[in-house]
N, C-alpha and C. Protein backbone atom coordinates (compact mmCIF):
# COMPACT_ATOMS: atom_id res chain seq x y z
N MET A 1 11.51 -31.74 -6.68
CA MET A 1 10.10 -31.20 -7.05
C MET A 1 9.56 -31.26 -8.27
N SER A 2 8.52 -31.85 -8.63
CA SER A 2 8.13 -31.89 -9.97
C SER A 2 7.87 -30.70 -10.73
N HIS A 3 7.60 -30.80 -11.80
CA HIS A 3 6.89 -29.62 -12.75
C HIS A 3 5.82 -28.92 -12.12
N LYS A 4 5.01 -30.08 -12.08
CA LYS A 4 3.56 -29.60 -11.60
C LYS A 4 3.49 -28.98 -10.60
N LYS A 5 4.13 -29.83 -9.60
CA LYS A 5 4.02 -29.33 -8.10
C LYS A 5 4.36 -27.64 -7.97
N LYS A 6 5.70 -27.11 -8.78
CA LYS A 6 6.08 -26.21 -8.81
C LYS A 6 4.88 -24.99 -9.21
N ASN A 7 4.22 -25.41 -10.35
CA ASN A 7 3.52 -24.69 -10.90
C ASN A 7 2.08 -24.34 -10.33
N ASN A 8 1.99 -25.21 -9.33
CA ASN A 8 0.55 -25.36 -8.49
C ASN A 8 1.16 -24.35 -7.24
N LYS A 9 2.22 -24.23 -6.94
CA LYS A 9 2.48 -23.60 -6.03
C LYS A 9 2.65 -21.98 -6.43
N ILE A 10 3.13 -22.02 -7.39
CA ILE A 10 2.98 -20.61 -8.05
C ILE A 10 1.81 -20.27 -8.17
N LYS A 11 0.85 -20.85 -8.72
CA LYS A 11 -0.63 -20.59 -8.73
C LYS A 11 -1.20 -19.99 -7.43
N GLU A 12 -0.81 -20.82 -6.32
CA GLU A 12 -1.41 -20.52 -5.04
C GLU A 12 -0.90 -18.89 -4.56
N GLN A 13 0.37 -19.06 -4.85
CA GLN A 13 1.14 -17.67 -4.58
C GLN A 13 0.59 -16.30 -5.29
N GLU A 14 -0.04 -16.61 -6.38
CA GLU A 14 -0.61 -15.74 -7.04
C GLU A 14 -2.16 -15.55 -6.99
N LYS A 15 -2.79 -16.25 -6.06
CA LYS A 15 -3.99 -16.34 -5.86
C LYS A 15 -4.01 -15.34 -4.80
N GLN A 16 -3.06 -15.44 -3.64
CA GLN A 16 -3.27 -14.78 -2.36
C GLN A 16 -3.74 -13.08 -2.60
N TRP A 17 -3.13 -12.84 -3.68
CA TRP A 17 -2.86 -11.08 -4.04
C TRP A 17 -4.08 -10.86 -4.91
N GLU A 18 -4.31 -9.65 -4.06
CA GLU A 18 -5.60 -8.63 -4.92
C GLU A 18 -4.95 -7.49 -5.36
N GLU A 19 -5.67 -7.36 -6.47
CA GLU A 19 -4.95 -6.24 -7.48
C GLU A 19 -5.87 -5.30 -7.55
N ARG A 20 -5.84 -4.24 -7.46
CA ARG A 20 -6.59 -2.90 -7.89
C ARG A 20 -6.05 -1.79 -8.65
N VAL A 21 -6.59 -1.36 -9.72
CA VAL A 21 -5.66 -0.46 -10.30
C VAL A 21 -6.77 1.10 -9.98
N ILE A 22 -5.65 1.63 -9.57
CA ILE A 22 -6.56 3.04 -9.07
C ILE A 22 -6.22 4.34 -9.99
N GLN A 23 -5.45 4.23 -10.77
CA GLN A 23 -5.56 5.26 -11.87
C GLN A 23 -5.09 4.74 -13.29
N ILE A 24 -5.62 5.10 -14.15
CA ILE A 24 -4.77 5.02 -15.74
C ILE A 24 -4.97 6.26 -16.30
N LYS A 25 -3.69 6.90 -16.62
CA LYS A 25 -2.99 8.16 -17.34
C LYS A 25 -2.73 7.85 -18.50
N ARG A 26 -3.11 8.83 -19.72
CA ARG A 26 -2.15 8.91 -21.17
C ARG A 26 -1.68 9.86 -20.77
N VAL A 27 -0.18 9.79 -21.03
CA VAL A 27 0.83 10.55 -21.18
C VAL A 27 1.59 10.65 -22.52
N THR A 28 2.22 11.87 -22.58
CA THR A 28 2.70 11.90 -23.76
C THR A 28 4.41 12.28 -23.78
N LYS A 29 5.26 12.36 -24.53
CA LYS A 29 6.39 12.63 -24.57
C LYS A 29 6.56 13.34 -26.17
N VAL A 30 7.20 14.44 -25.67
CA VAL A 30 7.70 14.74 -27.12
C VAL A 30 9.19 14.42 -27.75
N VAL A 31 8.83 13.96 -28.82
CA VAL A 31 9.69 13.61 -29.34
C VAL A 31 10.08 14.51 -30.73
N LYS A 32 11.32 13.92 -31.70
CA LYS A 32 11.55 14.70 -32.82
C LYS A 32 10.87 14.59 -33.91
N GLY A 33 9.94 13.52 -33.75
CA GLY A 33 8.73 13.25 -35.07
C GLY A 33 7.53 13.65 -34.47
N GLY A 34 7.38 14.07 -33.23
CA GLY A 34 6.17 14.76 -32.78
C GLY A 34 5.90 14.30 -31.12
N LYS A 35 4.73 13.47 -30.95
CA LYS A 35 4.36 13.45 -29.45
C LYS A 35 3.99 11.64 -29.61
N LYS A 36 4.61 10.98 -28.70
CA LYS A 36 4.68 9.87 -28.42
C LYS A 36 3.63 9.41 -27.39
N LEU A 37 2.45 8.81 -27.63
CA LEU A 37 1.57 8.43 -26.35
C LEU A 37 2.07 7.04 -25.69
N SER A 38 1.64 7.13 -24.40
CA SER A 38 1.86 6.13 -23.68
C SER A 38 0.95 6.11 -22.33
N PHE A 39 0.76 4.86 -21.56
CA PHE A 39 -0.22 4.77 -20.49
C PHE A 39 0.67 4.55 -19.35
N ARG A 40 0.28 5.27 -18.09
CA ARG A 40 0.33 4.92 -16.98
C ARG A 40 -0.29 4.43 -16.13
N ALA A 41 -0.22 3.35 -15.34
CA ALA A 41 -0.80 2.69 -14.32
C ALA A 41 -0.44 2.48 -13.05
N ILE A 42 -1.45 2.94 -12.31
CA ILE A 42 -1.09 2.77 -10.71
C ILE A 42 -1.93 1.58 -10.21
N THR A 43 -1.25 0.73 -9.71
CA THR A 43 -1.89 -0.17 -9.25
C THR A 43 -1.43 -0.64 -7.73
N ILE A 44 -2.17 -1.29 -6.66
CA ILE A 44 -2.04 -1.74 -5.40
C ILE A 44 -2.36 -2.97 -5.56
N VAL A 45 -1.45 -3.75 -4.53
CA VAL A 45 -1.63 -5.27 -4.59
C VAL A 45 -1.51 -5.29 -2.90
N GLY A 46 -2.59 -6.36 -2.27
CA GLY A 46 -2.55 -6.69 -1.18
C GLY A 46 -2.92 -7.88 -0.77
N ASP A 47 -2.52 -8.67 0.34
CA ASP A 47 -3.46 -9.88 0.59
C ASP A 47 -4.26 -9.71 1.78
N GLU A 48 -4.52 -8.65 2.05
CA GLU A 48 -5.70 -8.06 3.26
C GLU A 48 -5.24 -8.95 4.47
N LYS A 49 -4.30 -9.21 4.78
CA LYS A 49 -3.40 -9.96 6.09
C LYS A 49 -2.39 -9.30 6.48
N GLY A 50 -1.89 -8.04 6.06
CA GLY A 50 -0.87 -7.33 6.73
C GLY A 50 0.19 -7.06 5.91
N GLN A 51 -0.29 -7.39 4.27
CA GLN A 51 0.93 -7.19 3.20
C GLN A 51 0.33 -6.17 2.12
N VAL A 52 0.69 -5.21 1.76
CA VAL A 52 0.48 -4.40 1.11
C VAL A 52 1.70 -3.29 -0.12
N GLY A 53 1.31 -3.29 -1.39
CA GLY A 53 2.55 -2.74 -2.15
C GLY A 53 2.22 -1.70 -2.97
N VAL A 54 2.47 -0.48 -3.62
CA VAL A 54 2.14 0.35 -4.58
C VAL A 54 3.09 0.28 -5.83
N GLY A 55 2.40 0.32 -6.90
CA GLY A 55 3.61 0.08 -8.17
C GLY A 55 2.71 0.65 -9.40
N VAL A 56 3.87 1.30 -9.88
CA VAL A 56 3.53 2.02 -11.30
C VAL A 56 4.16 1.48 -12.24
N GLY A 57 3.55 1.44 -13.56
CA GLY A 57 3.79 0.73 -14.81
C GLY A 57 3.31 1.75 -16.17
N LYS A 58 4.60 1.89 -16.89
CA LYS A 58 4.43 2.41 -18.46
C LYS A 58 4.35 1.75 -19.34
N ALA A 59 3.33 1.77 -20.44
CA ALA A 59 3.51 1.17 -21.68
C ALA A 59 2.87 1.87 -22.71
N SER A 60 3.01 1.27 -23.94
CA SER A 60 2.30 1.70 -24.99
C SER A 60 0.67 1.29 -24.95
N ASP A 61 0.48 0.55 -24.31
CA ASP A 61 -1.00 0.08 -24.35
C ASP A 61 -1.23 -0.23 -22.69
N VAL A 62 -2.65 -0.05 -22.49
CA VAL A 62 -3.03 -0.32 -21.05
C VAL A 62 -2.81 -1.75 -20.53
N ILE A 63 -3.14 -2.97 -21.03
CA ILE A 63 -3.00 -4.00 -20.51
C ILE A 63 -1.50 -4.26 -19.89
N ASN A 64 -0.56 -3.73 -20.99
CA ASN A 64 1.04 -4.07 -20.50
C ASN A 64 1.37 -3.08 -19.23
N ALA A 65 0.63 -1.99 -19.16
CA ALA A 65 1.02 -1.13 -18.47
C ALA A 65 0.65 -1.68 -16.88
N VAL A 66 -0.71 -1.99 -17.20
CA VAL A 66 -1.48 -2.66 -15.78
C VAL A 66 -0.38 -3.73 -15.05
N LYS A 67 0.18 -4.70 -16.20
CA LYS A 67 1.02 -5.93 -15.75
C LYS A 67 2.17 -5.56 -14.98
N LYS A 68 2.90 -4.61 -15.49
CA LYS A 68 3.97 -3.94 -15.32
C LYS A 68 3.76 -3.05 -13.93
N GLY A 69 2.86 -2.53 -13.93
CA GLY A 69 2.22 -1.73 -12.41
C GLY A 69 2.11 -3.09 -11.24
N VAL A 70 1.44 -3.91 -11.68
CA VAL A 70 1.24 -5.18 -10.50
C VAL A 70 2.72 -5.68 -10.26
N ALA A 71 3.48 -5.92 -11.30
CA ALA A 71 4.78 -6.58 -10.93
C ALA A 71 5.45 -5.52 -10.07
N ASP A 72 5.60 -4.49 -10.66
CA ASP A 72 6.19 -3.33 -9.32
C ASP A 72 5.54 -3.34 -8.29
N ALA A 73 4.51 -3.27 -7.94
CA ALA A 73 3.75 -3.28 -6.74
C ALA A 73 4.26 -4.56 -5.85
N LYS A 74 4.37 -5.72 -6.26
CA LYS A 74 4.52 -6.81 -5.89
C LYS A 74 6.04 -7.01 -5.34
N LYS A 75 6.85 -5.93 -5.85
CA LYS A 75 8.42 -5.86 -5.57
C LYS A 75 8.32 -5.13 -4.33
N GLN A 76 7.67 -4.08 -4.29
CA GLN A 76 7.61 -3.08 -3.27
C GLN A 76 6.87 -3.41 -2.08
N VAL A 77 6.24 -4.45 -1.61
CA VAL A 77 5.44 -5.05 -0.61
C VAL A 77 6.13 -4.91 0.94
N ILE A 78 5.23 -4.15 1.63
CA ILE A 78 5.61 -4.06 2.84
C ILE A 78 4.93 -5.19 3.81
N HIS A 79 5.15 -5.07 5.24
CA HIS A 79 4.44 -5.69 5.87
C HIS A 79 3.91 -4.97 6.99
N VAL A 80 2.65 -4.82 7.39
CA VAL A 80 1.92 -3.97 8.29
C VAL A 80 1.53 -4.50 9.68
N PRO A 81 1.59 -3.98 10.95
CA PRO A 81 1.39 -4.71 11.92
C PRO A 81 -0.27 -4.41 11.99
N LEU A 82 -0.69 -5.33 12.25
CA LEU A 82 -2.19 -4.79 12.72
C LEU A 82 -2.44 -5.66 14.29
N THR A 83 -3.41 -4.92 14.75
CA THR A 83 -3.99 -5.02 15.68
C THR A 83 -5.06 -6.03 16.08
N LYS A 84 -5.60 -6.54 17.43
CA LYS A 84 -6.77 -7.59 17.19
C LYS A 84 -8.12 -6.98 16.60
N THR A 85 -8.02 -5.70 16.63
CA THR A 85 -9.48 -4.90 16.42
C THR A 85 -9.03 -4.49 14.87
N GLN A 86 -8.28 -4.98 14.00
CA GLN A 86 -8.05 -4.78 12.64
C GLN A 86 -7.44 -3.20 12.47
N SER A 87 -6.78 -2.61 13.35
CA SER A 87 -6.17 -1.37 13.26
C SER A 87 -4.89 -0.96 13.58
N ILE A 88 -4.44 0.19 13.56
CA ILE A 88 -3.15 0.12 13.60
C ILE A 88 -2.53 0.26 15.15
N PRO A 89 -1.24 0.21 15.19
CA PRO A 89 -0.95 0.33 16.80
C PRO A 89 -0.97 1.67 17.68
N HIS A 90 -0.71 2.86 16.62
CA HIS A 90 -0.58 4.25 17.14
C HIS A 90 -0.66 4.98 16.05
N LYS A 91 -0.83 6.28 16.30
CA LYS A 91 -0.96 7.32 15.19
C LYS A 91 0.29 7.92 14.53
N ILE A 92 0.19 7.97 13.34
CA ILE A 92 1.29 8.25 12.40
C ILE A 92 1.09 8.93 11.30
N ILE A 93 2.41 9.70 10.74
CA ILE A 93 1.90 10.66 9.87
C ILE A 93 3.11 10.14 8.72
N GLY A 94 2.55 10.06 7.36
CA GLY A 94 3.63 9.47 6.40
C GLY A 94 3.46 10.76 5.34
N THR A 95 4.56 10.65 4.85
CA THR A 95 4.87 11.84 3.53
C THR A 95 5.20 11.09 2.36
N SER A 96 5.05 11.66 1.15
CA SER A 96 5.59 11.39 -0.02
C SER A 96 5.64 12.77 -1.02
N GLY A 97 6.46 13.52 -1.23
CA GLY A 97 6.54 14.77 -1.73
C GLY A 97 5.63 15.36 -1.07
N SER A 98 4.97 16.49 -1.29
CA SER A 98 4.21 17.31 -0.79
C SER A 98 2.90 16.75 0.03
N ALA A 99 2.54 15.40 -0.43
CA ALA A 99 1.44 14.74 0.21
C ALA A 99 1.57 14.29 1.49
N GLN A 100 0.85 14.41 2.40
CA GLN A 100 1.02 14.02 3.81
C GLN A 100 -0.12 13.14 4.33
N VAL A 101 -0.34 11.98 5.07
CA VAL A 101 -1.48 11.40 5.25
C VAL A 101 -1.43 11.10 7.01
N ILE A 102 -2.05 11.73 7.70
CA ILE A 102 -2.47 11.34 9.21
C ILE A 102 -3.12 10.42 9.21
N MET A 103 -2.57 9.12 10.02
CA MET A 103 -3.47 7.99 10.19
C MET A 103 -3.76 7.87 11.96
N ARG A 104 -4.66 7.28 12.25
CA ARG A 104 -4.96 7.34 13.73
C ARG A 104 -6.00 6.11 13.99
N PRO A 105 -5.38 5.13 14.86
CA PRO A 105 -6.34 3.83 15.28
C PRO A 105 -7.78 4.26 15.51
N SER A 106 -8.70 3.62 15.21
CA SER A 106 -10.10 3.93 15.55
C SER A 106 -10.93 2.75 16.31
N ALA A 107 -11.98 2.98 16.92
CA ALA A 107 -12.62 2.17 17.84
C ALA A 107 -13.14 0.95 16.57
N SER A 108 -13.67 -0.32 17.30
CA SER A 108 -13.80 -1.20 16.49
C SER A 108 -15.15 -1.01 16.11
N GLY A 109 -15.54 -1.68 14.78
CA GLY A 109 -16.62 -1.09 14.03
C GLY A 109 -16.95 0.23 13.45
N SER A 110 -15.73 1.23 13.48
CA SER A 110 -15.76 2.62 12.78
C SER A 110 -15.70 2.68 11.38
N GLY A 111 -14.99 1.30 10.88
CA GLY A 111 -14.61 1.35 9.28
C GLY A 111 -13.31 2.14 8.88
N VAL A 112 -13.40 1.97 7.88
CA VAL A 112 -12.08 2.87 7.35
C VAL A 112 -12.74 4.12 6.91
N ILE A 113 -12.16 5.17 7.45
CA ILE A 113 -12.59 6.62 6.97
C ILE A 113 -11.33 6.91 6.42
N ALA A 114 -11.41 7.31 5.29
CA ALA A 114 -10.49 7.57 4.27
C ALA A 114 -10.93 7.80 2.98
N GLY A 115 -10.10 8.74 1.68
CA GLY A 115 -10.52 8.82 0.54
C GLY A 115 -9.68 8.31 -0.60
N GLY A 116 -10.22 7.99 -1.46
CA GLY A 116 -9.21 7.84 -2.53
C GLY A 116 -8.14 6.75 -2.24
N SER A 117 -7.17 6.73 -2.95
CA SER A 117 -5.99 5.95 -2.75
C SER A 117 -5.55 5.18 -1.53
N VAL A 118 -6.01 6.35 -0.82
CA VAL A 118 -5.42 5.68 0.98
C VAL A 118 -6.38 4.76 1.15
N ARG A 119 -7.59 5.04 0.64
CA ARG A 119 -8.80 4.00 1.47
C ARG A 119 -8.40 2.38 0.66
N THR A 120 -7.94 2.52 -0.59
CA THR A 120 -7.86 1.43 -1.21
C THR A 120 -6.31 0.69 -0.44
N VAL A 121 -5.36 1.43 -0.44
CA VAL A 121 -3.90 0.63 0.28
C VAL A 121 -4.57 0.42 1.41
N LEU A 122 -5.70 0.97 2.32
CA LEU A 122 -5.74 0.45 3.55
C LEU A 122 -6.49 -1.00 3.50
N GLU A 123 -7.76 -0.76 2.39
CA GLU A 123 -8.59 -2.03 2.66
C GLU A 123 -7.80 -3.15 2.23
N LEU A 124 -6.73 -3.01 1.28
CA LEU A 124 -5.86 -4.41 0.84
C LEU A 124 -4.82 -4.71 1.72
N ALA A 125 -4.52 -3.77 2.79
CA ALA A 125 -3.77 -4.16 3.82
C ALA A 125 -4.52 -4.88 4.83
N GLY A 126 -5.58 -5.06 4.69
CA GLY A 126 -6.41 -5.47 5.76
C GLY A 126 -6.88 -4.79 6.80
N LEU A 127 -6.65 -3.47 6.77
CA LEU A 127 -6.84 -2.94 7.90
C LEU A 127 -8.63 -2.42 7.84
N LYS A 128 -9.48 -2.62 8.88
CA LYS A 128 -10.79 -2.23 9.09
C LYS A 128 -11.33 -0.93 9.88
N ASN A 129 -10.44 -0.67 10.86
CA ASN A 129 -10.93 0.50 11.53
C ASN A 129 -9.62 1.49 11.61
N VAL A 130 -9.61 2.68 11.00
CA VAL A 130 -8.64 3.41 10.81
C VAL A 130 -9.41 4.83 10.35
N LEU A 131 -8.59 6.02 11.18
CA LEU A 131 -9.07 7.18 10.71
C LEU A 131 -8.26 8.14 9.99
N THR A 132 -8.11 8.56 8.86
CA THR A 132 -7.32 9.04 8.26
C THR A 132 -7.76 10.73 7.60
N LYS A 133 -6.75 11.37 6.98
CA LYS A 133 -6.82 12.78 6.94
C LYS A 133 -5.77 12.94 5.87
N GLN A 134 -6.00 13.36 4.49
CA GLN A 134 -4.88 13.83 3.44
C GLN A 134 -4.68 15.37 3.50
N LEU A 135 -3.46 15.64 3.49
CA LEU A 135 -3.16 17.03 3.36
C LEU A 135 -2.11 17.14 2.50
N GLY A 136 -1.62 18.32 1.83
CA GLY A 136 -1.01 19.02 0.86
C GLY A 136 -0.99 18.54 -0.49
N SER A 137 -1.68 17.67 -0.89
CA SER A 137 -1.59 17.34 -2.24
C SER A 137 -3.02 16.14 -2.68
N LYS A 138 -3.33 16.52 -3.66
CA LYS A 138 -4.52 15.70 -4.16
C LYS A 138 -3.85 14.48 -5.20
N SER A 139 -2.52 14.34 -5.61
CA SER A 139 -1.97 13.78 -6.00
C SER A 139 -2.04 11.99 -5.75
N VAL A 140 -2.50 11.39 -6.73
CA VAL A 140 -3.07 9.81 -6.17
C VAL A 140 -2.21 8.72 -5.87
N LEU A 141 -1.18 9.07 -6.77
CA LEU A 141 0.30 8.48 -6.66
C LEU A 141 1.33 8.95 -5.20
N ASN A 142 1.21 10.05 -5.02
CA ASN A 142 1.56 10.61 -3.85
C ASN A 142 1.15 10.46 -2.42
N ASN A 143 -0.23 10.21 -2.44
CA ASN A 143 -1.25 9.95 -1.52
C ASN A 143 -0.94 8.58 -0.91
N ALA A 144 -0.74 7.55 -1.91
CA ALA A 144 -0.81 6.20 -2.10
C ALA A 144 0.63 6.03 -1.50
N ARG A 145 1.76 6.57 -1.94
CA ARG A 145 2.90 6.44 -1.50
C ARG A 145 3.26 7.06 0.26
N ALA A 146 2.59 8.20 0.36
CA ALA A 146 2.35 8.41 1.82
C ALA A 146 1.85 7.50 2.65
N THR A 147 1.06 6.99 2.22
CA THR A 147 0.07 5.93 2.96
C THR A 147 1.06 4.78 3.36
N ILE A 148 1.62 4.31 2.35
CA ILE A 148 2.81 2.97 2.68
C ILE A 148 3.89 3.70 3.40
N ASP A 149 4.19 4.63 3.42
CA ASP A 149 5.29 5.15 4.17
C ASP A 149 5.04 5.36 5.78
N ALA A 150 3.58 5.62 5.83
CA ALA A 150 3.28 5.78 7.33
C ALA A 150 3.25 4.29 7.68
N LEU A 151 2.42 3.46 7.16
CA LEU A 151 2.09 2.15 7.49
C LEU A 151 3.83 1.04 7.59
N ALA A 152 4.79 1.80 6.83
CA ALA A 152 5.97 0.74 6.75
C ALA A 152 6.66 1.38 8.39
N HIS A 153 6.53 2.42 8.63
CA HIS A 153 7.08 3.08 9.95
C HIS A 153 6.52 2.69 11.32
N LEU A 154 4.89 2.10 11.27
CA LEU A 154 4.42 1.56 12.33
C LEU A 154 5.26 0.36 13.32
N ARG A 155 5.31 0.88 14.30
CA ARG A 155 5.74 -0.37 15.20
C ARG A 155 4.95 -0.92 16.49
N THR A 156 5.21 -2.08 16.75
CA THR A 156 4.38 -2.56 17.68
C THR A 156 4.70 -2.41 19.15
N LEU A 157 3.97 -2.56 20.07
CA LEU A 157 4.53 -2.30 21.85
C LEU A 157 5.97 -3.37 21.92
N ALA A 158 5.84 -4.31 21.22
CA ALA A 158 6.79 -5.13 21.55
C ALA A 158 7.93 -4.59 20.66
N GLN A 159 8.23 -4.15 19.73
CA GLN A 159 9.35 -3.88 19.07
C GLN A 159 9.43 -2.66 19.67
N ALA A 160 8.83 -1.19 20.45
CA ALA A 160 9.11 -0.23 21.18
C ALA A 160 9.66 -0.68 22.17
N ALA A 161 9.50 -1.72 23.09
CA ALA A 161 9.96 -1.86 24.44
C ALA A 161 11.41 -2.49 23.85
N ASN A 162 11.52 -3.38 22.96
CA ASN A 162 12.88 -4.23 22.34
C ASN A 162 13.67 -2.86 22.17
N GLU A 163 13.46 -1.43 21.35
CA GLU A 163 14.27 -0.63 21.30
C GLU A 163 15.03 -0.13 22.17
N ARG A 164 13.97 0.27 23.31
CA ARG A 164 14.32 0.63 24.35
C ARG A 164 14.92 -0.41 25.50
N SER A 165 14.87 -1.64 25.23
CA SER A 165 15.46 -2.48 26.43
C SER A 165 14.81 -2.27 27.57
N ILE A 166 13.72 -2.84 27.41
CA ILE A 166 12.63 -2.94 28.49
C ILE A 166 11.65 -3.71 28.39
N ARG A 167 10.91 -4.33 29.46
CA ARG A 167 10.10 -5.07 28.92
C ARG A 167 8.72 -4.54 28.48
N VAL A 168 7.58 -5.48 27.88
CA VAL A 168 6.62 -4.93 27.38
C VAL A 168 5.52 -4.15 28.67
N GLU A 169 5.46 -4.81 29.67
CA GLU A 169 4.51 -4.59 31.16
C GLU A 169 5.21 -2.86 31.53
N LYS A 170 6.48 -2.60 31.31
CA LYS A 170 7.14 -1.20 31.78
C LYS A 170 6.34 -0.46 30.85
N LEU A 171 6.01 -0.48 29.63
CA LEU A 171 5.19 0.34 28.74
C LEU A 171 3.98 0.99 29.17
N TYR A 172 3.04 0.00 29.89
CA TYR A 172 1.91 0.25 30.45
C TYR A 172 1.89 1.10 31.55
N SER A 173 3.18 1.27 32.54
CA SER A 173 2.83 1.78 33.39
C SER A 173 3.53 3.08 33.27
């Protein structure tokens, strides 16, 4: 494969990801000479087709922190099973630290009913009809990670039937 073809393939892979920065915080570390300033960026990447990841980057300037956050998010990408109505297959609860996120499938046309970082994660995952509730924490990062935790534990009917060693038709009866 020639060098140009490799570059084009890499560019195509880069184009499929949509990146969103959900928080930039100025953080300090107390050292011998005083306080050292740095920035923490929380980023979310997704392809709106069932893949999404959350990442954190720290650097002495905002641009490098965002770049590191995007690179970290791409390493943490998970696959989300979507239904025909762009929803989730079943109700689930995700946790991260003290944050809990309850997610329920919703009727077609109802939209993403969520707030803050949870909404961003769900939109970049490609979900269109979901109802959520955040409990326990207001932390942007923990709520985003709790959402990822919930999405990572979703199972389709075929997976559930396979785990029980029965046919999918038997689940309906």
